[in-house]
Amino acid sequence: MTDTPQSVISGVPYPVTETGDRAPTDLGAFLGETVFTIDMAGHPYVVRGTGDLLDDVARVHEKSTVAGKDVRVWHVSKGSQGFTAEHVAAF
């Protein structure tokens, strides 16, 4: 079985629907080992990885579930409508 990442459009902010099993309340939910779900046009997508604070965003390095390799980098931020995660080209 392969661990093929789902296609993601860079630079598009996707709404974060939950971290673990609840709605996020602050950026601390995205630091260290983290799991969160985003809404990709009505389809849930689960991001698993490690996050650290970078200025006013959490930078999360998504890891594959098979070998733990980096898949992509997300910037998570809080806005007036809640949290969003955006794929960025940052390694």
Protein backbone atom coordinates (compact mmCIF):
# COMPACT_ATOMS: atom_id res chain seq x y z
CA MET A 1 0.00 0.00 0.00
CA THR A 2 1.32 3.46 -0.87
CA ASP A 3 0.91 6.69 1.06
CA THR A 4 0.12 9.08 -1.80
CA PRO A 5 -0.62 12.61 -0.59
CA GLN A 6 -3.83 14.23 -1.77
CA SER A 7 -3.47 17.13 -4.21
CA VAL A 8 -3.38 20.49 -2.47
CA ILE A 9 -3.35 23.94 -4.06
CA SER A 10 -0.56 26.15 -2.70
CA GLY A 11 -1.54 29.57 -1.41
CA VAL A 12 -5.20 28.65 -0.77
CA PRO A 13 -6.33 29.02 2.85
CA TYR A 14 -8.33 25.93 3.87
CA PRO A 15 -10.57 26.18 6.96
CA VAL A 16 -9.40 24.11 9.92
CA THR A 17 -12.39 22.18 11.27
CA GLU A 18 -10.77 20.46 14.26
CA THR A 19 -7.57 19.59 16.06
CA GLY A 20 -7.68 16.07 17.37
CA ASP A 21 -11.35 15.79 18.30
CA ARG A 22 -12.23 19.42 19.04
CA ALA A 23 -12.25 22.90 17.52
CA PRO A 24 -8.92 24.76 17.93
CA THR A 25 -8.86 27.63 20.40
CA ASP A 26 -5.30 28.93 19.94
CA LEU A 27 -2.13 28.33 17.94
CA GLY A 28 -0.82 26.13 20.76
CA ALA A 29 -3.00 23.32 19.39
CA PHE A 30 -0.71 23.19 16.32
CA LEU A 31 2.65 23.10 18.13
CA GLY A 32 4.70 19.94 18.69
CA GLU A 33 3.13 16.68 17.50
CA THR A 34 -0.22 17.66 16.02
CA VAL A 35 -3.16 16.31 14.06
CA PHE A 36 -5.75 18.59 12.50
CA THR A 37 -8.46 18.38 9.85
CA ILE A 38 -9.07 20.90 7.07
CA ASP A 39 -12.06 21.29 4.77
CA MET A 40 -11.03 20.87 1.13
CA ALA A 41 -14.16 21.89 -0.77
CA GLY A 42 -16.40 19.71 1.38
CA HIS A 43 -13.91 16.87 1.79
CA PRO A 44 -12.02 16.40 5.06
CA TYR A 45 -8.24 16.10 4.87
CA VAL A 46 -6.22 15.10 7.94
CA VAL A 47 -2.78 16.65 8.46
CA ARG A 48 -0.36 14.86 10.80
CA GLY A 49 3.00 16.37 11.64
CA THR A 50 5.04 18.61 13.88
CA GLY A 51 4.53 22.31 14.35
CA ASP A 52 6.50 25.26 15.64
CA LEU A 53 5.76 28.95 16.04
CA LEU A 54 6.97 31.25 13.25
CA ASP A 55 6.07 34.88 13.95
CA ASP A 56 2.25 34.87 14.14
CA VAL A 57 1.63 31.48 12.45
CA ALA A 58 2.18 27.85 13.33
CA ARG A 59 4.42 26.19 10.74
CA VAL A 60 3.50 22.52 10.50
CA HIS A 61 5.65 19.97 8.65
CA GLU A 62 3.19 17.33 7.46
CA LYS A 63 4.59 13.79 7.68
CA SER A 64 3.59 10.69 5.70
CA THR A 65 2.06 7.91 7.75
CA VAL A 66 4.24 5.23 6.13
CA ALA A 67 7.84 6.36 6.62
CA GLY A 68 7.44 9.65 8.47
CA LYS A 69 8.87 11.61 5.56
CA ASP A 70 7.99 15.27 5.03
CA VAL A 71 5.05 15.67 2.66
CA ARG A 72 4.44 19.43 2.70
CA VAL A 73 4.59 22.52 4.92
CA TRP A 74 1.51 24.33 6.22
CA HIS A 75 1.13 27.76 7.79
CA VAL A 76 -1.78 27.86 10.21
CA SER A 77 -3.16 31.22 11.29
CA LYS A 78 -6.17 32.61 13.11
CA GLY A 79 -8.43 35.11 11.39
CA SER A 80 -11.83 36.60 11.98
CA GLN A 81 -13.51 33.45 10.64
CA GLY A 82 -11.41 30.99 12.67
CA PHE A 83 -8.26 29.06 11.81
CA THR A 84 -7.00 28.43 8.29
CA ALA A 85 -4.13 26.30 6.99
CA GLU A 86 -2.26 27.22 3.82
CA HIS A 87 0.28 25.06 2.00
CA VAL A 88 3.49 27.03 1.46
CA ALA A 89 6.77 26.29 -0.30
CA ALA A 90 8.99 26.48 2.79
CA PHE A 91 11.42 23.76 3.84
